[in-house]
Amino acid sequence: MVVLLVLVQLCFCAAELEDLQPSLTATFETKLKVCEALETALVEIMALMKTQATTSNIHIQEIKNTLTLLDRGIEDLKDKDEVGDLKDDIGELQVEISGLKNQVNELKKELDNVKDKRGDGELIPAAKVQQISTHQDYIADRAVDGNPNSFSHTLNGRNLWFRYFFAKTEKVGKVKIINGAIELCCYMRLNGVRVVVMLTDVHRVPCQPNSLTIREGQSRSAQTYFVDCGGVEGMGVELNLPPTSFLEISEIEVYSPVEATDKP
């Protein structure tokens, strides 16, 4: 959600720059200010994408489009007679834009590398989600709301579960889980969680690894995990946590196996 908000800011600044481009009445300082605001938004969204594991090809393309627009805006400014003392400001902005381009390219490589390793098919949306109990207002739907800063949260107990139901029977490839508790005190609560495919209301098939071993690190990227369900067909997936603990999930995404989406 935070990334989306910054993207909205990005689009607003880009639209403002496009409106100013042909304007003969807009001052040089106004155009430069809009360019600087656009660059600031780009820096912010790049930082968010790196720390919150929310990078997508859509985000990358939006940033590339914005950088192209920003390049045109800077070139337009350089051609103006009134540049004067602001020449250094333009030069600094160009250097920052060049650095952002390099970051975008590196981020794209990382994204492609992760995709290759995961072998994701298509995202299987949740028709509904449920959890065994709810702490305060941390409902199960928070784990599928697209916001990595919110999370579902059960009460303390044993044999806790979280269920992700499909609209129809689906083959399950990989499951992505972002730990809901990344604070130093709590991130190990998810240790030992198991992911299974629900064949029926009572029958389950385990995914691999059989249980998660939680890593150290208090960031969304460090606390993002993948399990492989091997194409087993079912009505949904279930996370269960045998030890006495809380079950907290920031985000869960379920993907079909690659072969289910391949074209002959």
Protein backbone atom coordinates (compact mmCIF):
# COMPACT_ATOMS: atom_id res chain seq x y z
CA MET A 1 0.00 0.00 0.00
CA VAL A 2 2.83 2.42 0.86
CA VAL A 3 4.50 1.75 -2.50
CA LEU A 4 1.20 2.39 -4.26
CA LEU A 5 0.81 5.72 -2.47
CA VAL A 6 4.26 6.81 -3.60
CA LEU A 7 3.44 5.66 -7.14
CA VAL A 8 0.41 7.95 -7.02
CA GLN A 9 2.70 10.79 -5.97
CA LEU A 10 5.05 9.81 -8.79
CA CYS A 11 2.27 9.92 -11.39
CA PHE A 12 1.03 13.26 -10.06
CA CYS A 13 4.47 14.86 -10.36
CA ALA A 14 4.98 13.32 -13.82
CA ALA A 15 1.64 14.67 -15.04
CA GLU A 16 2.52 18.09 -13.67
CA LEU A 17 5.84 18.04 -15.53
CA GLU A 18 4.12 17.01 -18.77
CA ASP A 19 1.67 19.90 -18.38
CA LEU A 20 4.53 22.34 -17.86
CA GLN A 21 6.67 21.12 -20.76
CA PRO A 22 4.95 23.11 -23.54
CA SER A 23 4.14 26.05 -21.30
CA LEU A 24 5.79 29.35 -22.18
CA THR A 25 4.54 31.03 -19.00
CA ALA A 26 5.82 28.53 -16.46
CA THR A 27 9.01 29.79 -14.87
CA PHE A 28 12.28 27.94 -15.08
CA GLU A 29 12.31 27.62 -11.29
CA THR A 30 8.86 26.01 -11.30
CA LYS A 31 9.90 23.36 -13.80
CA LEU A 32 13.10 22.63 -11.89
CA LYS A 33 11.13 22.29 -8.66
CA VAL A 34 8.79 19.74 -10.25
CA CYS A 35 11.77 17.77 -11.58
CA GLU A 36 13.32 17.73 -8.13
CA ALA A 37 10.03 16.57 -6.56
CA LEU A 38 9.84 13.78 -9.11
CA GLU A 39 13.39 12.68 -8.35
CA THR A 40 12.61 12.70 -4.59
CA ALA A 41 9.58 10.48 -5.17
CA LEU A 42 11.73 8.09 -7.21
CA VAL A 43 14.33 7.86 -4.44
CA GLU A 44 11.59 7.11 -1.89
CA ILE A 45 9.93 4.40 -3.93
CA MET A 46 13.26 2.74 -4.71
CA ALA A 47 14.04 2.58 -0.98
CA LEU A 48 10.61 1.09 -0.24
CA MET A 49 10.93 -1.52 -2.97
CA LYS A 50 14.30 -2.64 -1.63
CA THR A 51 13.19 -2.97 2.01
CA GLN A 52 9.62 -4.25 1.76
CA ALA A 53 9.95 -7.01 -0.86
CA THR A 54 7.25 -5.42 -3.00
CA THR A 55 9.14 -5.10 -6.25
CA SER A 56 7.16 -5.92 -9.38
CA ASN A 57 7.66 -5.49 -13.10
CA ILE A 58 4.79 -2.99 -13.07
CA HIS A 59 6.64 -0.80 -10.54
CA ILE A 60 9.88 -1.10 -12.53
CA GLN A 61 8.20 -0.08 -15.79
CA GLU A 62 6.47 2.87 -14.11
CA ILE A 63 9.81 4.10 -12.80
CA LYS A 64 11.52 3.65 -16.18
CA ASN A 65 8.75 5.66 -17.86
CA THR A 66 9.12 8.38 -15.25
CA LEU A 67 12.90 8.50 -15.67
CA THR A 68 12.45 8.94 -19.43
CA LEU A 69 10.05 11.81 -18.81
CA LEU A 70 12.45 13.32 -16.30
CA ASP A 71 15.28 13.13 -18.83
CA ARG A 72 13.17 15.07 -21.32
CA GLY A 73 12.34 17.64 -18.67
CA ILE A 74 16.01 18.16 -17.80
CA GLU A 75 16.98 18.49 -21.48
CA ASP A 76 14.24 21.09 -21.88
CA LEU A 77 15.59 23.03 -18.92
CA LYS A 78 19.16 22.95 -20.25
CA ASP A 79 18.04 24.64 -23.45
CA LYS A 80 16.62 27.63 -21.65
CA ASP A 81 18.48 30.93 -21.66
CA GLU A 82 17.56 31.63 -18.05
CA VAL A 83 19.54 28.69 -16.63
CA GLY A 84 22.16 30.98 -15.19
CA ASP A 85 23.18 30.19 -11.63
CA LEU A 86 20.97 27.09 -11.56
CA LYS A 87 23.26 25.22 -13.96
CA ASP A 88 24.91 23.38 -11.05
CA ASP A 89 21.49 22.31 -9.71
CA ILE A 90 20.65 20.76 -13.07
CA GLY A 91 24.01 18.98 -13.18
CA GLU A 92 23.47 17.49 -9.71
CA LEU A 93 19.98 16.36 -10.69
CA GLN A 94 21.35 14.65 -13.80
CA VAL A 95 23.91 12.76 -11.70
CA GLU A 96 21.15 11.64 -9.30
CA ILE A 97 18.97 10.51 -12.21
CA SER A 98 21.85 8.51 -13.67
CA GLY A 99 22.33 6.80 -10.30
CA LEU A 100 18.62 5.98 -10.14
CA LYS A 101 18.78 4.40 -13.61
CA ASN A 102 21.57 2.12 -12.43
CA GLN A 103 19.55 1.18 -9.34
CA VAL A 104 16.48 0.39 -11.44
CA ASN A 105 18.52 -1.87 -13.73
CA GLU A 106 20.03 -3.71 -10.76
CA LEU A 107 16.61 -4.09 -9.14
CA LYS A 108 15.23 -5.50 -12.39
CA LYS A 109 18.06 -8.05 -12.51
CA GLU A 110 17.35 -9.06 -8.90
CA LEU A 111 13.64 -9.39 -9.66
CA ASP A 112 14.29 -11.56 -12.73
CA ASN A 113 16.72 -13.69 -10.72
CA VAL A 114 14.19 -14.25 -7.95
CA LYS A 115 11.48 -15.08 -10.49
CA ASP A 116 13.78 -17.62 -12.15
CA LYS A 117 14.50 -19.29 -8.83
CA ARG A 118 10.88 -19.34 -7.73
CA GLY A 119 9.45 -20.45 -11.05
CA ASP A 120 6.17 -18.68 -10.31
CA GLY A 121 3.10 -19.35 -12.37
CA GLU A 122 -0.01 -17.21 -12.01
CA LEU A 123 -1.16 -15.81 -8.68
CA ILE A 124 -4.16 -17.76 -7.37
CA PRO A 125 -6.36 -15.22 -5.56
CA ALA A 126 -7.97 -16.08 -2.24
CA ALA A 127 -11.73 -16.54 -2.40
CA LYS A 128 -11.70 -16.30 1.40
CA VAL A 129 -9.28 -16.66 4.30
CA GLN A 130 -9.81 -17.88 7.85
CA GLN A 131 -7.75 -18.28 11.01
CA ILE A 132 -8.37 -20.25 14.18
CA SER A 133 -8.72 -17.15 16.38
CA THR A 134 -8.19 -13.39 16.16
CA HIS A 135 -6.20 -11.08 18.40
CA GLN A 136 -7.95 -7.68 18.62
CA ASP A 137 -8.70 -6.52 15.05
CA TYR A 138 -5.86 -8.44 13.34
CA ILE A 139 -8.22 -10.40 11.11
CA ALA A 140 -7.18 -13.05 8.57
CA ASP A 141 -7.90 -10.70 5.64
CA ARG A 142 -4.92 -8.57 6.65
CA ALA A 143 -2.65 -11.29 5.30
CA VAL A 144 -4.04 -10.87 1.77
CA ASP A 145 -4.63 -7.10 1.62
CA GLY A 146 -1.46 -6.33 -0.36
CA ASN A 147 -0.07 -4.20 2.47
CA PRO A 148 3.20 -5.60 3.90
CA ASN A 149 2.85 -3.30 6.92
CA SER A 150 -0.34 -4.99 8.15
CA PHE A 151 -0.65 -8.56 9.38
CA SER A 152 -3.02 -11.18 10.69
CA HIS A 153 -2.60 -12.29 14.31
CA THR A 154 -4.14 -15.18 16.25
CA LEU A 155 -4.50 -15.58 19.98
CA ASN A 156 -1.84 -17.54 21.86
CA GLY A 157 -2.36 -21.27 21.60
CA ARG A 158 -1.30 -24.64 20.20
CA ASN A 159 -1.98 -26.15 16.78
CA LEU A 160 -2.84 -22.79 15.28
CA TRP A 161 -3.99 -22.59 11.66
CA PHE A 162 -4.57 -20.15 8.82
CA ARG A 163 -6.54 -21.21 5.72
CA TYR A 164 -6.42 -19.74 2.22
CA PHE A 165 -9.33 -21.00 0.09
CA PHE A 166 -9.51 -20.91 -3.72
CA ALA A 167 -12.64 -20.15 -5.71
CA LYS A 168 -12.24 -23.58 -7.37
CA THR A 169 -9.84 -26.50 -7.26
CA GLU A 170 -6.35 -25.40 -8.34
CA LYS A 171 -2.89 -26.89 -8.79
CA VAL A 172 -0.48 -25.32 -6.31
CA GLY A 173 3.11 -24.44 -7.17
CA LYS A 174 4.90 -22.07 -4.80
CA VAL A 175 3.56 -20.33 -1.70
CA LYS A 176 5.11 -17.03 -0.60
CA ILE A 177 4.89 -16.11 3.09
CA ILE A 178 6.03 -12.88 4.72
CA ASN A 179 6.47 -13.15 8.47
CA GLY A 180 4.04 -10.89 10.33
CA ALA A 181 6.35 -10.39 13.30
CA ILE A 182 9.73 -8.97 12.33
CA GLU A 183 10.60 -7.32 15.65
CA LEU A 184 13.52 -8.80 17.60
CA CYS A 185 11.14 -10.05 20.28
CA CYS A 186 8.73 -11.88 18.03
CA TYR A 187 10.03 -12.94 14.62
CA MET A 188 10.81 -16.50 15.80
CA ARG A 189 7.12 -17.11 16.56
CA LEU A 190 6.66 -18.41 12.99
CA ASN A 191 9.42 -20.99 13.43
CA GLY A 192 8.19 -24.49 12.62
CA VAL A 193 5.12 -23.42 10.64
CA ARG A 194 3.98 -26.02 8.12
CA VAL A 195 2.27 -25.43 4.79
CA VAL A 196 -0.08 -28.04 3.36
CA VAL A 197 -2.43 -28.27 0.40
CA MET A 198 -6.04 -28.90 1.46
CA LEU A 199 -7.39 -31.71 -0.73
CA THR A 200 -10.68 -31.84 1.18
CA ASP A 201 -11.96 -30.59 4.52
CA VAL A 202 -9.91 -33.30 6.26
CA HIS A 203 -7.18 -34.50 3.88
CA ARG A 204 -3.87 -32.64 3.56
CA VAL A 205 -0.65 -32.99 1.54
CA PRO A 206 2.51 -31.33 2.92
CA CYS A 207 4.59 -28.87 0.89
CA GLN A 208 8.40 -28.67 1.00
CA PRO A 209 10.22 -27.89 3.16
CA ASN A 210 8.00 -29.72 5.63
CA SER A 211 8.39 -26.87 8.13
CA LEU A 212 9.97 -23.43 7.98
CA THR A 213 13.17 -22.57 9.81
CA ILE A 214 13.02 -18.86 10.50
CA ARG A 215 16.10 -16.80 9.63
CA GLU A 216 17.57 -13.90 11.56
CA GLY A 217 16.92 -10.39 10.24
CA GLN A 218 14.31 -7.75 11.01
CA SER A 219 13.24 -6.74 7.49
CA ARG A 220 10.45 -7.82 5.15
CA SER A 221 12.93 -9.19 2.62
CA ALA A 222 14.79 -11.24 5.26
CA GLN A 223 11.50 -12.58 6.58
CA THR A 224 10.08 -13.66 3.21
CA TYR A 225 9.87 -17.42 2.63
CA PHE A 226 8.85 -19.76 -0.20
CA VAL A 227 7.61 -23.33 -0.05
CA ASP A 228 7.03 -25.70 -2.97
CA CYS A 229 3.77 -27.65 -3.14
CA GLY A 230 4.78 -29.54 -6.30
CA GLY A 231 1.63 -29.00 -8.35
CA VAL A 232 -0.69 -30.82 -5.92
CA GLU A 233 -4.33 -30.03 -6.69
CA GLY A 234 -6.55 -28.84 -3.90
CA MET A 235 -9.21 -26.48 -2.56
CA GLY A 236 -6.68 -24.21 -0.85
CA VAL A 237 -3.61 -24.12 1.39
CA GLU A 238 -3.28 -24.19 5.14
CA LEU A 239 -0.54 -22.96 7.46
CA ASN A 240 -0.41 -24.72 10.79
CA LEU A 241 1.81 -24.06 13.78
CA PRO A 242 2.06 -26.92 16.31
CA PRO A 243 4.08 -25.19 19.10
CA THR A 244 2.40 -22.91 21.61
CA SER A 245 2.75 -19.46 20.08
CA PHE A 246 0.99 -16.76 18.04
CA LEU A 247 0.51 -17.15 14.28
CA GLU A 248 1.25 -13.83 12.57
CA ILE A 249 1.32 -13.41 8.78
CA SER A 250 2.09 -10.20 6.94
CA GLU A 251 1.31 -11.52 3.45
CA ILE A 252 0.62 -14.86 1.84
CA GLU A 253 0.51 -15.42 -1.93
CA VAL A 254 -0.20 -18.71 -3.68
CA TYR A 255 1.00 -19.41 -7.23
CA SER A 256 0.11 -22.05 -9.76
CA PRO A 257 2.97 -24.22 -11.08
CA VAL A 258 4.71 -22.94 -14.22
CA GLU A 259 3.49 -25.85 -16.33
CA ALA A 260 -0.10 -24.90 -15.58
CA THR A 261 0.37 -21.62 -17.46
CA ASP A 262 2.73 -22.73 -20.24
CA LYS A 263 1.40 -22.49 -23.80
CA PRO A 264 2.11 -25.38 -26.20
